[in-house]
Amino acid sequence: MAISAEYFLKYLWWSAFYSGSSGFASHSQQVQSAYARSNTYFWIVIALELLTLVLVWSAVKPRANNSSGFLSHGARLAASLTFTVAGTALLALVLAWIQPGVR
């Protein structure tokens, strides 16, 4: 999650640079580079989040109950997704707070 949070902050930085610089024709090479980096970091974040989701899902063991497999797996998936996204968001917030201007 920490690596995903770091790449998410990089994605935000390069996206902000791209959207703030897209009107400058003299910087077109830099703007295209910023777009490429932003897009790359976006897909890295998605891949890392999916990997983290799978790891968290496999670590969460359901209790023995009489519910159907679909309901049990659905609740387990929802809990894993919530934990993964919330954990990454909190880590990104902490990293942004302790590392100002590092990008």
Protein backbone atom coordinates (compact mmCIF):
# COMPACT_ATOMS: atom_id res chain seq x y z
CA MET A 1 0.00 0.00 0.00
CA ALA A 2 2.88 2.37 0.75
CA ILE A 3 4.35 1.89 -2.72
CA SER A 4 0.93 2.42 -4.26
CA ALA A 5 0.48 5.60 -2.21
CA GLU A 6 3.86 6.89 -3.39
CA TYR A 7 2.98 6.28 -7.03
CA PHE A 8 -0.44 7.85 -6.48
CA LEU A 9 1.24 11.04 -5.28
CA LYS A 10 3.53 10.99 -8.31
CA TYR A 11 0.48 10.52 -10.52
CA LEU A 12 -1.22 13.51 -8.92
CA TRP A 13 1.87 15.68 -9.32
CA TRP A 14 2.38 14.85 -12.99
CA SER A 15 -1.35 15.21 -13.71
CA ALA A 16 -1.35 18.65 -12.13
CA PHE A 17 1.73 19.61 -14.14
CA TYR A 18 0.13 18.33 -17.34
CA SER A 19 -3.19 20.09 -16.80
CA GLY A 20 -1.49 23.32 -15.77
CA SER A 21 0.92 23.32 -18.70
CA SER A 22 -1.23 22.02 -21.53
CA GLY A 23 -1.91 25.52 -22.92
CA PHE A 24 1.75 26.37 -23.47
CA ALA A 25 2.76 25.49 -27.02
CA SER A 26 6.43 26.24 -26.35
CA HIS A 27 6.55 23.45 -23.77
CA SER A 28 4.82 20.84 -25.92
CA GLN A 29 7.58 18.25 -25.45
CA GLN A 30 7.46 18.70 -21.67
CA VAL A 31 3.67 18.54 -21.70
CA GLN A 32 3.70 15.29 -23.68
CA SER A 33 6.31 13.88 -21.30
CA ALA A 34 4.17 14.87 -18.33
CA TYR A 35 1.14 13.21 -19.93
CA ALA A 36 3.11 10.00 -20.53
CA ARG A 37 4.40 9.93 -16.95
CA SER A 38 0.96 10.66 -15.55
CA ASN A 39 -0.57 7.88 -17.59
CA THR A 40 2.19 5.45 -16.61
CA TYR A 41 1.84 6.22 -12.91
CA PHE A 42 -1.95 5.85 -13.16
CA TRP A 43 -1.66 2.32 -14.51
CA ILE A 44 1.04 1.43 -11.99
CA VAL A 45 -1.29 2.55 -9.19
CA ILE A 46 -4.13 0.47 -10.62
CA ALA A 47 -1.90 -2.62 -10.88
CA LEU A 48 -0.51 -2.16 -7.36
CA GLU A 49 -4.00 -1.65 -5.93
CA LEU A 50 -5.22 -4.84 -7.59
CA LEU A 51 -2.21 -6.73 -6.26
CA THR A 52 -2.81 -5.33 -2.77
CA LEU A 53 -6.50 -6.20 -3.03
CA VAL A 54 -5.65 -9.82 -3.84
CA LEU A 55 -3.17 -9.98 -0.95
CA VAL A 56 -5.64 -8.50 1.53
CA TRP A 57 -8.44 -10.71 0.23
CA SER A 58 -6.32 -13.81 0.71
CA ALA A 59 -5.32 -12.71 4.22
CA VAL A 60 -8.92 -12.14 5.36
CA LYS A 61 -10.37 -15.45 6.43
CA PRO A 62 -14.14 -15.72 6.70
CA ARG A 63 -15.71 -17.01 9.87
CA ALA A 64 -17.50 -20.30 9.82
CA ASN A 65 -21.14 -19.41 9.21
CA ASN A 66 -24.15 -20.71 7.37
CA SER A 67 -24.28 -18.02 4.68
CA SER A 68 -23.94 -18.81 1.02
CA GLY A 69 -20.55 -18.76 -0.66
CA PHE A 70 -21.54 -15.81 -2.84
CA LEU A 71 -22.56 -13.70 0.15
CA SER A 72 -19.48 -14.67 2.13
CA HIS A 73 -17.10 -13.94 -0.75
CA GLY A 74 -18.92 -10.71 -1.58
CA ALA A 75 -18.59 -9.43 1.97
CA ARG A 76 -14.95 -10.51 2.04
CA LEU A 77 -14.27 -8.73 -1.26
CA ALA A 78 -16.04 -5.56 -0.10
CA ALA A 79 -14.09 -5.51 3.16
CA SER A 80 -10.80 -6.10 1.32
CA LEU A 81 -11.55 -3.36 -1.22
CA THR A 82 -12.49 -0.91 1.52
CA PHE A 83 -9.38 -1.70 3.54
CA THR A 84 -7.10 -1.45 0.49
CA VAL A 85 -8.45 1.88 -0.78
CA ALA A 86 -8.70 3.44 2.68
CA GLY A 87 -5.22 2.24 3.64
CA THR A 88 -3.67 3.60 0.46
CA ALA A 89 -5.48 6.92 0.89
CA LEU A 90 -4.30 7.27 4.50
CA LEU A 91 -0.73 6.39 3.56
CA ALA A 92 -0.82 8.91 0.70
CA LEU A 93 -2.04 11.54 3.13
CA VAL A 94 0.75 10.74 5.58
CA LEU A 95 3.38 10.72 2.82
CA ALA A 96 2.13 14.04 1.46
CA TRP A 97 2.27 15.49 4.94
CA ILE A 98 5.78 14.29 5.86
CA GLN A 99 7.37 14.77 2.42
CA PRO A 100 6.35 18.22 1.19
CA GLY A 101 8.08 19.26 -2.01
CA VAL A 102 9.93 15.99 -2.51
CA ARG A 103 8.46 15.33 -5.96
